[in-house]
Structure formats: structure tokens, C-alpha cells
């Protein structure tokens, strides 16, 4: 297993993982979940190569996801990354 950067090709697998873990009952709209994940974690306005979202990859199968939402802020007048 390896931990690597979350990329667009991982979106369907992460959406499936999300639905299995957080919506185990019912029939969630996987396409909507996938679109939301793409919007929030890949297409946000503040990408950060130093702190990307990550997946746990087990020989091509996504087994885990760590979502990172970098946000530029200021602290005491200085720019920081939160």
C-alpha cells in the first residue's frame, strides 16, 4: 500500500468509498457525490501542491482518503495557509 496524491481518476473510487462509509443505507446518487468531491477537492480556487488531498492505494484500489482544503488567510497581517 502507498499513500499518494488524490487525482481526478480517483474520484469514482473515493465516491464509492464515501457512499459505503457515510451512506451505507439507501441509494445515494454516486454521480452527485463524485461531482461534489471533484468540485471541493480538485477544482477549488486555492490548490496547494505542498498539501494535496491523499489516497491510500492498495495495488490500484483506493482504500482510504484524506481530504485537504487549503485556505489562504492572514494572521497579524502576514499571509498564512490554513
C-alpha atoms as a PDB file:
ATOM      1  CA  UNK A   1       0.000   0.000   0.000  1.00  0.00           C
ATOM      2  CA  UNK A   2       1.111   3.528  -0.732  1.00  0.00           C
ATOM      3  CA  UNK A   3      -0.151   6.994   0.103  1.00  0.00           C
ATOM      4  CA  UNK A   4      -0.248   9.242  -2.944  1.00  0.00           C
ATOM      5  CA  UNK A   5      -1.846  12.422  -4.212  1.00  0.00           C
ATOM      6  CA  UNK A   6      -5.571  12.329  -4.987  1.00  0.00           C
ATOM      7  CA  UNK A   7      -6.110  12.777  -8.750  1.00  0.00           C
ATOM      8  CA  UNK A   8      -9.163  13.059 -10.985  1.00  0.00           C
ATOM      9  CA  UNK A   9      -9.047   9.358 -11.880  1.00  0.00           C
ATOM     10  CA  UNK A  10      -9.587   8.530  -8.176  1.00  0.00           C
ATOM     11  CA  UNK A  11     -12.897  10.409  -7.930  1.00  0.00           C
ATOM     12  CA  UNK A  12     -15.215   7.449  -8.715  1.00  0.00           C
ATOM     13  CA  UNK A  13     -13.432   5.155  -6.233  1.00  0.00           C
ATOM     14  CA  UNK A  14     -13.448   7.810  -3.494  1.00  0.00           C
ATOM     15  CA  UNK A  15     -17.149   8.489  -4.163  1.00  0.00           C
ATOM     16  CA  UNK A  16     -17.856   4.764  -3.763  1.00  0.00           C
ATOM     17  CA  UNK A  17     -15.826   4.688  -0.544  1.00  0.00           C
ATOM     18  CA  UNK A  18     -17.683   7.737   0.786  1.00  0.00           C
ATOM     19  CA  UNK A  19     -21.060   6.188  -0.010  1.00  0.00           C
ATOM     20  CA  UNK A  20     -20.139   2.868   1.637  1.00  0.00           C
ATOM     21  CA  UNK A  21     -18.853   4.539   4.807  1.00  0.00           C
ATOM     22  CA  UNK A  22     -21.164   7.525   5.272  1.00  0.00           C
ATOM     23  CA  UNK A  23     -24.307   6.415   3.417  1.00  0.00           C
ATOM     24  CA  UNK A  24     -24.445   2.646   3.945  1.00  0.00           C
ATOM     25  CA  UNK A  25     -28.248   2.574   3.778  1.00  0.00           C
ATOM     26  CA  UNK A  26     -30.306   3.917   0.952  1.00  0.00           C
ATOM     27  CA  UNK A  27     -29.256   4.648  -2.572  1.00  0.00           C
ATOM     28  CA  UNK A  28     -27.037   7.764  -2.709  1.00  0.00           C
ATOM     29  CA  UNK A  29     -26.534   9.459  -6.045  1.00  0.00           C
ATOM     30  CA  UNK A  30     -22.926   8.443  -6.704  1.00  0.00           C
ATOM     31  CA  UNK A  31     -22.627  10.819  -9.677  1.00  0.00           C
ATOM     32  CA  UNK A  32     -23.618  13.753  -7.444  1.00  0.00           C
ATOM     33  CA  UNK A  33     -21.186  12.631  -4.727  1.00  0.00           C
ATOM     34  CA  UNK A  34     -18.398  12.292  -7.311  1.00  0.00           C
ATOM     35  CA  UNK A  35     -19.152  15.747  -8.717  1.00  0.00           C
ATOM     36  CA  UNK A  36     -19.105  17.265  -5.246  1.00  0.00           C
ATOM     37  CA  UNK A  37     -15.788  15.590  -4.379  1.00  0.00           C
ATOM     38  CA  UNK A  38     -14.266  16.843  -7.636  1.00  0.00           C
ATOM     39  CA  UNK A  39     -15.534  20.391  -7.003  1.00  0.00           C
ATOM     40  CA  UNK A  40     -14.390  20.530  -3.390  1.00  0.00           C
ATOM     41  CA  UNK A  41     -11.037  18.723  -3.512  1.00  0.00           C
ATOM     42  CA  UNK A  42      -9.764  19.190  -7.078  1.00  0.00           C
ATOM     43  CA  UNK A  43     -11.406  22.257  -8.599  1.00  0.00           C
ATOM     44  CA  UNK A  44     -11.290  24.629  -5.618  1.00  0.00           C
ATOM     45  CA  UNK A  45      -9.730  28.069  -6.161  1.00  0.00           C
ATOM     46  CA  UNK A  46      -6.699  27.573  -3.872  1.00  0.00           C
ATOM     47  CA  UNK A  47      -4.774  24.470  -4.998  1.00  0.00           C
ATOM     48  CA  UNK A  48      -1.680  23.718  -2.946  1.00  0.00           C
ATOM     49  CA  UNK A  49       0.980  21.370  -4.297  1.00  0.00           C
ATOM     50  CA  UNK A  50       2.612  21.216  -0.840  1.00  0.00           C
ATOM     51  CA  UNK A  51      -0.515  19.846   0.836  1.00  0.00           C
ATOM     52  CA  UNK A  52      -2.751  17.931  -1.583  1.00  0.00           C
ATOM     53  CA  UNK A  53      -5.562  15.562  -0.707  1.00  0.00           C
ATOM     54  CA  UNK A  54      -4.298  11.980  -0.433  1.00  0.00           C
ATOM     55  CA  UNK A  55      -5.496   8.450  -1.110  1.00  0.00           C
ATOM     56  CA  UNK A  56      -4.364   5.132   0.311  1.00  0.00           C
ATOM     57  CA  UNK A  57      -3.740   2.977  -2.769  1.00  0.00           C
ATOM     58  CA  UNK A  58      -3.585  -0.810  -2.482  1.00  0.00           C
ATOM     59  CA  UNK A  59      -2.350  -2.011  -5.879  1.00  0.00           C
ATOM     60  CA  UNK A  60      -4.701   0.265  -7.799  1.00  0.00           C
ATOM     61  CA  UNK A  61      -7.613   0.074  -5.353  1.00  0.00           C
ATOM     62  CA  UNK A  62      -8.423   3.114  -3.218  1.00  0.00           C
ATOM     63  CA  UNK A  63      -8.739   2.031   0.414  1.00  0.00           C
ATOM     64  CA  UNK A  64      -8.675   5.428   2.117  1.00  0.00           C
ATOM     65  CA  UNK A  65      -8.976   9.162   1.529  1.00  0.00           C
ATOM     66  CA  UNK A  66      -7.634  12.216   3.358  1.00  0.00           C
ATOM     67  CA  UNK A  67      -9.261  15.387   2.041  1.00  0.00           C
ATOM     68  CA  UNK A  68      -7.307  18.633   2.353  1.00  0.00           C
ATOM     69  CA  UNK A  69      -8.937  22.032   1.897  1.00  0.00           C
ATOM     70  CA  UNK A  70      -6.176  24.661   1.872  1.00  0.00           C
ATOM     71  CA  UNK A  71      -7.397  28.144   2.579  1.00  0.00           C
ATOM     72  CA  UNK A  72      -5.335  31.338   2.365  1.00  0.00           C
ATOM     73  CA  UNK A  73      -5.652  33.555   5.435  1.00  0.00           C
ATOM     74  CA  UNK A  74      -3.845  36.364   7.168  1.00  0.00           C
ATOM     75  CA  UNK A  75      -2.503  36.294  10.731  1.00  0.00           C
ATOM     76  CA  UNK A  76      -1.205  39.528  12.223  1.00  0.00           C
ATOM     77  CA  UNK A  77      -1.000  40.952   8.729  1.00  0.00           C
ATOM     78  CA  UNK A  78       1.036  38.081   7.293  1.00  0.00           C
ATOM     79  CA  UNK A  79      -0.288  35.545   4.786  1.00  0.00           C
ATOM     80  CA  UNK A  80      -0.627  32.010   6.129  1.00  0.00           C
ATOM     81  CA  UNK A  81      -2.050  28.766   4.798  1.00  0.00           C
ATOM     82  CA  UNK A  82      -4.734  27.130   6.913  1.00  0.00           C
END
